[in-house]
Amino acid sequence: MEIIYENSDLLVVNKPPGLVVDRSTIQTDNRLAVHRLDRDTSGLLLFAKTTEALENLQRQFKERKVKKGYLALVHGRPKHPSGVVDASIGRAPKGVGKFVVVEGSRDSVTEYSTKKHLENYTLLDVKPLTGRTHQIRVHLKSIGHPVVGDKLYASRKQIREDKKWCPRQFLHAYRLGFEHPRTGEWLSFEVDLPEDLRKVLDNLNG
């Protein structure tokens, strides 16, 4: 993984797609993942290198101080160019590993805004204000615009068509901002789209 920033307290990397990252699988050289990205989601990932840093950063996530930004290509065009999806998420009663919008479950809030329309697709800038599993994917599905290439939440027809021209789910964590756990300094990082997703946009633009 490409190292974006590192000091004695923390490490920020640019995760490639296809890599599973969670607390049970990544705990090497005294580095512990503070949050997670889905296997096929690329982008910025934060690790703590001390117990103190881990506890502080986890608290920032819990208190919604951490600012996250994702780029997502979705099917269709949202009725409103920007909006907020405020809908609780819980495990699906059927379907291993799937989550759904369900009343009375864990509060979940996602903001989105349109960056560009591309044929029958829309590139969105998405900001999850909470950190539920599959939150962005579930929320976008719930408003009728699943992420392109999403094998869990897109329809079967969409999945069949998507795999012809998109190598994976089009979801990239491009922005991450938080307070340094020891100094309190605000740190903010951004990374470009990886090559595989840039090619997808180039093909649509072409």
C-alpha atoms as a PDB file:
ATOM      1  CA  MET A   1       0.000   0.000   0.000  1.00  0.00           C
ATOM      2  CA  GLU A   2       1.273   3.461  -0.905  1.00  0.00           C
ATOM      3  CA  ILE A   3       2.228   5.445   2.207  1.00  0.00           C
ATOM      4  CA  ILE A   4       0.712   8.940   2.121  1.00  0.00           C
ATOM      5  CA  TYR A   5       1.807  10.120   5.573  1.00  0.00           C
ATOM      6  CA  GLU A   6       3.571   8.587   8.555  1.00  0.00           C
ATOM      7  CA  ASN A   7       4.933   9.639  11.935  1.00  0.00           C
ATOM      8  CA  SER A   8       5.442   7.982  15.296  1.00  0.00           C
ATOM      9  CA  ASP A   9       1.705   8.058  16.079  1.00  0.00           C
ATOM     10  CA  LEU A  10      -0.109   7.133  12.902  1.00  0.00           C
ATOM     11  CA  LEU A  11       0.038   6.012   9.306  1.00  0.00           C
ATOM     12  CA  VAL A  12      -2.124   7.005   6.336  1.00  0.00           C
ATOM     13  CA  VAL A  13      -2.038   4.755   3.270  1.00  0.00           C
ATOM     14  CA  ASN A  14      -3.705   4.557  -0.118  1.00  0.00           C
ATOM     15  CA  LYS A  15      -5.352   1.130  -0.133  1.00  0.00           C
ATOM     16  CA  PRO A  16      -5.650  -0.689  -3.472  1.00  0.00           C
ATOM     17  CA  PRO A  17      -8.801  -2.658  -4.351  1.00  0.00           C
ATOM     18  CA  GLY A  18      -8.993  -6.355  -3.612  1.00  0.00           C
ATOM     19  CA  LEU A  19      -7.406  -6.130  -0.166  1.00  0.00           C
ATOM     20  CA  VAL A  20      -9.351  -7.060   2.959  1.00  0.00           C
ATOM     21  CA  VAL A  21      -8.664  -4.710   5.860  1.00  0.00           C
ATOM     22  CA  ASP A  22     -10.116  -5.069   9.344  1.00  0.00           C
ATOM     23  CA  ARG A  23      -8.807  -5.226  12.882  1.00  0.00           C
ATOM     24  CA  SER A  24      -8.499  -8.997  12.861  1.00  0.00           C
ATOM     25  CA  THR A  25      -6.396  -9.234   9.707  1.00  0.00           C
ATOM     26  CA  ILE A  26      -4.193  -6.112   9.879  1.00  0.00           C
ATOM     27  CA  GLN A  27      -2.142  -5.905  13.047  1.00  0.00           C
ATOM     28  CA  THR A  28       1.513  -5.916  12.062  1.00  0.00           C
ATOM     29  CA  ASP A  29       4.468  -3.856  13.265  1.00  0.00           C
ATOM     30  CA  ASN A  30       2.285  -2.430  16.047  1.00  0.00           C
ATOM     31  CA  ARG A  31      -0.033  -0.792  13.526  1.00  0.00           C
ATOM     32  CA  LEU A  32      -3.767  -1.203  13.952  1.00  0.00           C
ATOM     33  CA  ALA A  33      -6.470  -0.156  11.502  1.00  0.00           C
ATOM     34  CA  VAL A  34      -8.660   2.544  13.039  1.00  0.00           C
ATOM     35  CA  HIS A  35     -11.435   2.052  10.491  1.00  0.00           C
ATOM     36  CA  ARG A  36     -12.038  -0.189   7.480  1.00  0.00           C
ATOM     37  CA  LEU A  37     -12.716  -0.113   3.765  1.00  0.00           C
ATOM     38  CA  ASP A  38     -14.577  -2.823   1.875  1.00  0.00           C
ATOM     39  CA  ARG A  39     -12.463  -5.263  -0.131  1.00  0.00           C
ATOM     40  CA  ASP A  40     -13.231  -3.614  -3.484  1.00  0.00           C
ATOM     41  CA  THR A  41     -13.126  -0.030  -2.220  1.00  0.00           C
ATOM     42  CA  SER A  42      -9.866   1.828  -2.739  1.00  0.00           C
ATOM     43  CA  GLY A  43      -8.499   4.924  -1.042  1.00  0.00           C
ATOM     44  CA  LEU A  44      -7.327   6.473   2.184  1.00  0.00           C
ATOM     45  CA  LEU A  45      -7.012   4.268   5.245  1.00  0.00           C
ATOM     46  CA  LEU A  46      -5.813   5.260   8.712  1.00  0.00           C
ATOM     47  CA  PHE A  47      -3.676   3.192  11.085  1.00  0.00           C
ATOM     48  CA  ALA A  48      -2.676   3.945  14.678  1.00  0.00           C
ATOM     49  CA  LYS A  49       0.815   3.080  15.909  1.00  0.00           C
ATOM     50  CA  THR A  50       0.252   3.545  19.651  1.00  0.00           C
ATOM     51  CA  THR A  51      -2.538   2.642  22.050  1.00  0.00           C
ATOM     52  CA  GLU A  52      -3.030   6.314  22.873  1.00  0.00           C
ATOM     53  CA  ALA A  53      -3.383   7.251  19.216  1.00  0.00           C
ATOM     54  CA  LEU A  54      -5.812   4.398  18.602  1.00  0.00           C
ATOM     55  CA  GLU A  55      -8.103   5.421  21.456  1.00  0.00           C
ATOM     56  CA  ASN A  56      -8.053   9.088  20.412  1.00  0.00           C
ATOM     57  CA  LEU A  57      -8.761   8.390  16.745  1.00  0.00           C
ATOM     58  CA  GLN A  58     -11.527   5.929  17.572  1.00  0.00           C
ATOM     59  CA  ARG A  59     -13.114   8.603  19.741  1.00  0.00           C
ATOM     60  CA  GLN A  60     -12.936  11.086  16.863  1.00  0.00           C
ATOM     61  CA  PHE A  61     -14.748   8.638  14.601  1.00  0.00           C
ATOM     62  CA  LYS A  62     -17.381   8.007  17.272  1.00  0.00           C
ATOM     63  CA  GLU A  63     -17.917  11.750  17.805  1.00  0.00           C
ATOM     64  CA  ARG A  64     -18.132  12.333  14.033  1.00  0.00           C
ATOM     65  CA  LYS A  65     -15.123  14.639  13.968  1.00  0.00           C
ATOM     66  CA  VAL A  66     -13.420  12.745  11.150  1.00  0.00           C
ATOM     67  CA  LYS A  67     -14.220  14.095   7.671  1.00  0.00           C
ATOM     68  CA  LYS A  68     -14.455  11.483   4.913  1.00  0.00           C
ATOM     69  CA  GLY A  69     -15.077  11.940   1.215  1.00  0.00           C
ATOM     70  CA  TYR A  70     -15.769   9.290  -1.427  1.00  0.00           C
ATOM     71  CA  LEU A  71     -16.250   9.320  -5.173  1.00  0.00           C
ATOM     72  CA  ALA A  72     -19.014   6.986  -6.316  1.00  0.00           C
ATOM     73  CA  LEU A  73     -20.336   6.314  -9.806  1.00  0.00           C
ATOM     74  CA  VAL A  74     -23.988   5.326  -9.573  1.00  0.00           C
ATOM     75  CA  HIS A  75     -26.709   4.138 -11.897  1.00  0.00           C
ATOM     76  CA  GLY A  76     -29.137   6.766 -13.110  1.00  0.00           C
ATOM     77  CA  ARG A  77     -29.536  10.403 -12.133  1.00  0.00           C
ATOM     78  CA  PRO A  78     -30.678  11.341  -8.623  1.00  0.00           C
ATOM     79  CA  LYS A  79     -33.845  13.447  -8.616  1.00  0.00           C
ATOM     80  CA  HIS A  80     -32.068  16.030  -6.485  1.00  0.00           C
ATOM     81  CA  PRO A  81     -28.468  16.996  -7.396  1.00  0.00           C
ATOM     82  CA  SER A  82     -27.548  16.961  -3.712  1.00  0.00           C
ATOM     83  CA  GLY A  83     -29.147  15.639  -0.586  1.00  0.00           C
ATOM     84  CA  VAL A  84     -28.962  13.754   2.693  1.00  0.00           C
ATOM     85  CA  VAL A  85     -29.937  10.141   3.293  1.00  0.00           C
ATOM     86  CA  ASP A  86     -30.872   9.753   6.958  1.00  0.00           C
ATOM     87  CA  ALA A  87     -31.928   6.133   7.354  1.00  0.00           C
ATOM     88  CA  SER A  88     -30.921   3.546   9.928  1.00  0.00           C
ATOM     89  CA  ILE A  89     -29.093   0.432   8.735  1.00  0.00           C
ATOM     90  CA  GLY A  90     -29.201  -3.135  10.022  1.00  0.00           C
ATOM     91  CA  ARG A  91     -28.365  -6.640   8.851  1.00  0.00           C
ATOM     92  CA  ALA A  92     -30.562  -8.076   6.145  1.00  0.00           C
ATOM     93  CA  PRO A  93     -32.771 -10.950   7.395  1.00  0.00           C
ATOM     94  CA  LYS A  94     -31.778 -12.881   4.275  1.00  0.00           C
ATOM     95  CA  GLY A  95     -28.500 -12.686   2.403  1.00  0.00           C
ATOM     96  CA  VAL A  96     -25.181 -13.343   4.117  1.00  0.00           C
ATOM     97  CA  GLY A  97     -23.158 -10.179   4.612  1.00  0.00           C
ATOM     98  CA  LYS A  98     -25.863  -7.835   3.363  1.00  0.00           C
ATOM     99  CA  PHE A  99     -27.324  -4.807   5.102  1.00  0.00           C
ATOM    100  CA  VAL A 100     -30.560  -2.901   4.537  1.00  0.00           C
ATOM    101  CA  VAL A 101     -32.353   0.235   5.613  1.00  0.00           C
ATOM    102  CA  VAL A 102     -34.492  -0.820   8.545  1.00  0.00           C
ATOM    103  CA  GLU A 103     -36.372   1.295  11.043  1.00  0.00           C
ATOM    104  CA  GLY A 104     -35.147   1.167  14.606  1.00  0.00           C
ATOM    105  CA  SER A 105     -31.637   0.011  13.770  1.00  0.00           C
ATOM    106  CA  ARG A 106     -28.381   2.004  13.969  1.00  0.00           C
ATOM    107  CA  ASP A 107     -28.592   5.675  12.982  1.00  0.00           C
ATOM    108  CA  SER A 108     -26.860   6.309   9.665  1.00  0.00           C
ATOM    109  CA  VAL A 109     -26.454   9.575   7.745  1.00  0.00           C
ATOM    110  CA  THR A 110     -24.892  10.168   4.328  1.00  0.00           C
ATOM    111  CA  GLU A 111     -24.579  13.402   2.359  1.00  0.00           C
ATOM    112  CA  TYR A 112     -24.109  13.430  -1.405  1.00  0.00           C
ATOM    113  CA  SER A 113     -23.671  15.970  -4.201  1.00  0.00           C
ATOM    114  CA  THR A 114     -23.443  15.589  -7.965  1.00  0.00           C
ATOM    115  CA  LYS A 115     -20.109  16.131  -9.650  1.00  0.00           C
ATOM    116  CA  LYS A 116     -20.985  15.071 -13.196  1.00  0.00           C
ATOM    117  CA  HIS A 117     -23.587  13.303 -15.303  1.00  0.00           C
ATOM    118  CA  LEU A 118     -22.178  10.663 -17.651  1.00  0.00           C
ATOM    119  CA  GLU A 119     -24.697   9.050 -20.020  1.00  0.00           C
ATOM    120  CA  ASN A 120     -27.034   7.076 -17.740  1.00  0.00           C
ATOM    121  CA  TYR A 121     -24.725   7.377 -14.752  1.00  0.00           C
ATOM    122  CA  THR A 122     -23.803  10.031 -12.196  1.00  0.00           C
ATOM    123  CA  LEU A 123     -20.509  10.689 -10.445  1.00  0.00           C
ATOM    124  CA  LEU A 124     -21.218  11.641  -6.835  1.00  0.00           C
ATOM    125  CA  ASP A 125     -19.160  13.193  -4.067  1.00  0.00           C
ATOM    126  CA  VAL A 126     -20.325  11.304  -0.970  1.00  0.00           C
ATOM    127  CA  LYS A 127     -19.721  12.173   2.677  1.00  0.00           C
ATOM    128  CA  PRO A 128     -20.731   9.570   5.267  1.00  0.00           C
ATOM    129  CA  LEU A 129     -21.368  11.251   8.614  1.00  0.00           C
ATOM    130  CA  THR A 130     -21.567   7.906  10.401  1.00  0.00           C
ATOM    131  CA  GLY A 131     -19.548   4.751   9.847  1.00  0.00           C
ATOM    132  CA  ARG A 132     -21.875   1.793   9.390  1.00  0.00           C
ATOM    133  CA  THR A 133     -20.847  -1.278   7.407  1.00  0.00           C
ATOM    134  CA  HIS A 134     -21.665  -0.812   3.693  1.00  0.00           C
ATOM    135  CA  GLN A 135     -23.286   2.515   4.593  1.00  0.00           C
ATOM    136  CA  ILE A 136     -22.689   4.368   1.325  1.00  0.00           C
ATOM    137  CA  ARG A 137     -23.635   1.355  -0.778  1.00  0.00           C
ATOM    138  CA  VAL A 138     -26.831   0.678   1.174  1.00  0.00           C
ATOM    139  CA  HIS A 139     -27.924   4.320   1.275  1.00  0.00           C
ATOM    140  CA  LEU A 140     -27.375   4.873  -2.444  1.00  0.00           C
ATOM    141  CA  LYS A 141     -29.238   1.653  -3.190  1.00  0.00           C
ATOM    142  CA  SER A 142     -32.097   2.829  -0.961  1.00  0.00           C
ATOM    143  CA  ILE A 143     -32.645   5.954  -3.088  1.00  0.00           C
ATOM    144  CA  GLY A 144     -32.604   3.924  -6.300  1.00  0.00           C
ATOM    145  CA  HIS A 145     -29.028   4.589  -7.421  1.00  0.00           C
ATOM    146  CA  PRO A 146     -26.739   1.670  -6.563  1.00  0.00           C
ATOM    147  CA  VAL A 147     -22.999   1.952  -7.051  1.00  0.00           C
ATOM    148  CA  VAL A 148     -21.783   0.740 -10.441  1.00  0.00           C
ATOM    149  CA  GLY A 149     -20.170  -2.685 -10.128  1.00  0.00           C
ATOM    150  CA  ASP A 150     -21.611  -3.400  -6.683  1.00  0.00           C
ATOM    151  CA  LYS A 151     -22.125  -7.169  -6.644  1.00  0.00           C
ATOM    152  CA  LEU A 152     -24.185  -7.096  -3.448  1.00  0.00           C
ATOM    153  CA  TYR A 153     -26.559  -4.181  -3.942  1.00  0.00           C
ATOM    154  CA  ALA A 154     -26.990  -3.595  -7.678  1.00  0.00           C
ATOM    155  CA  SER A 155     -29.605  -5.605  -9.563  1.00  0.00           C
ATOM    156  CA  ARG A 156     -28.620  -8.781 -11.388  1.00  0.00           C
ATOM    157  CA  LYS A 157     -29.100  -7.053 -14.735  1.00  0.00           C
ATOM    158  CA  GLN A 158     -26.958  -4.107 -13.661  1.00  0.00           C
ATOM    159  CA  ILE A 159     -24.226  -6.404 -12.384  1.00  0.00           C
ATOM    160  CA  ARG A 160     -24.135  -8.329 -15.672  1.00  0.00           C
ATOM    161  CA  GLU A 161     -23.812  -5.119 -17.666  1.00  0.00           C
ATOM    162  CA  ASP A 162     -21.392  -3.412 -15.278  1.00  0.00           C
ATOM    163  CA  LYS A 163     -18.813  -6.176 -15.339  1.00  0.00           C
ATOM    164  CA  LYS A 164     -18.396  -5.714 -19.090  1.00  0.00           C
ATOM    165  CA  TRP A 165     -16.839  -2.277 -18.639  1.00  0.00           C
ATOM    166  CA  CYS A 166     -16.175  -1.637 -14.924  1.00  0.00           C
ATOM    167  CA  PRO A 167     -13.637  -3.929 -13.180  1.00  0.00           C
ATOM    168  CA  ARG A 168     -15.032  -3.480  -9.659  1.00  0.00           C
ATOM    169  CA  GLN A 169     -17.405  -1.392  -7.598  1.00  0.00           C
ATOM    170  CA  PHE A 170     -16.793   2.277  -8.365  1.00  0.00           C
ATOM    171  CA  LEU A 171     -16.158   3.572  -4.845  1.00  0.00           C
ATOM    172  CA  HIS A 172     -12.998   5.421  -3.837  1.00  0.00           C
ATOM    173  CA  ALA A 173     -12.155   7.080  -0.499  1.00  0.00           C
ATOM    174  CA  TYR A 174     -10.405  10.175  -1.822  1.00  0.00           C
ATOM    175  CA  ARG A 175     -10.450  12.478   1.211  1.00  0.00           C
ATOM    176  CA  LEU A 176      -9.710  12.021   4.927  1.00  0.00           C
ATOM    177  CA  GLY A 177      -9.388  14.688   7.621  1.00  0.00           C
ATOM    178  CA  PHE A 178      -8.896  14.385  11.392  1.00  0.00           C
ATOM    179  CA  GLU A 179      -7.107  15.879  14.397  1.00  0.00           C
ATOM    180  CA  HIS A 180      -3.628  14.627  15.135  1.00  0.00           C
ATOM    181  CA  PRO A 181      -4.190  12.430  18.203  1.00  0.00           C
ATOM    182  CA  ARG A 182      -1.290  13.955  20.147  1.00  0.00           C
ATOM    183  CA  THR A 183      -0.914  17.564  18.953  1.00  0.00           C
ATOM    184  CA  GLY A 184      -4.490  18.379  17.969  1.00  0.00           C
ATOM    185  CA  GLU A 185      -3.326  19.710  14.593  1.00  0.00           C
ATOM    186  CA  TRP A 186      -5.873  19.257  11.813  1.00  0.00           C
ATOM    187  CA  LEU A 187      -4.581  16.885   9.134  1.00  0.00           C
ATOM    188  CA  SER A 188      -6.241  16.513   5.743  1.00  0.00           C
ATOM    189  CA  PHE A 189      -5.316  14.235   2.840  1.00  0.00           C
ATOM    190  CA  GLU A 190      -6.580  13.646  -0.693  1.00  0.00           C
ATOM    191  CA  VAL A 191      -5.685  11.076  -3.345  1.00  0.00           C
ATOM    192  CA  ASP A 192      -6.639  10.831  -7.008  1.00  0.00           C
ATOM    193  CA  LEU A 193      -8.774   8.126  -8.539  1.00  0.00           C
ATOM    194  CA  PRO A 194      -6.751   4.982  -9.251  1.00  0.00           C
ATOM    195  CA  GLU A 195      -6.027   4.071 -12.844  1.00  0.00           C
ATOM    196  CA  ASP A 196      -8.748   1.427 -13.189  1.00  0.00           C
ATOM    197  CA  LEU A 197     -11.505   3.864 -12.228  1.00  0.00           C
ATOM    198  CA  ARG A 198     -10.003   6.720 -14.262  1.00  0.00           C
ATOM    199  CA  LYS A 199     -10.263   4.498 -17.329  1.00  0.00           C
ATOM    200  CA  VAL A 200     -13.932   3.874 -16.593  1.00  0.00           C
ATOM    201  CA  LEU A 201     -14.619   7.623 -16.597  1.00  0.00           C
ATOM    202  CA  ASP A 202     -12.481   8.146 -19.701  1.00  0.00           C
ATOM    203  CA  ASN A 203     -14.519   5.528 -21.554  1.00  0.00           C
ATOM    204  CA  LEU A 204     -17.785   7.158 -20.537  1.00  0.00           C
ATOM    205  CA  ASN A 205     -16.472  10.604 -21.485  1.00  0.00           C
ATOM    206  CA  GLY A 206     -15.308   9.221 -24.811  1.00  0.00           C
END
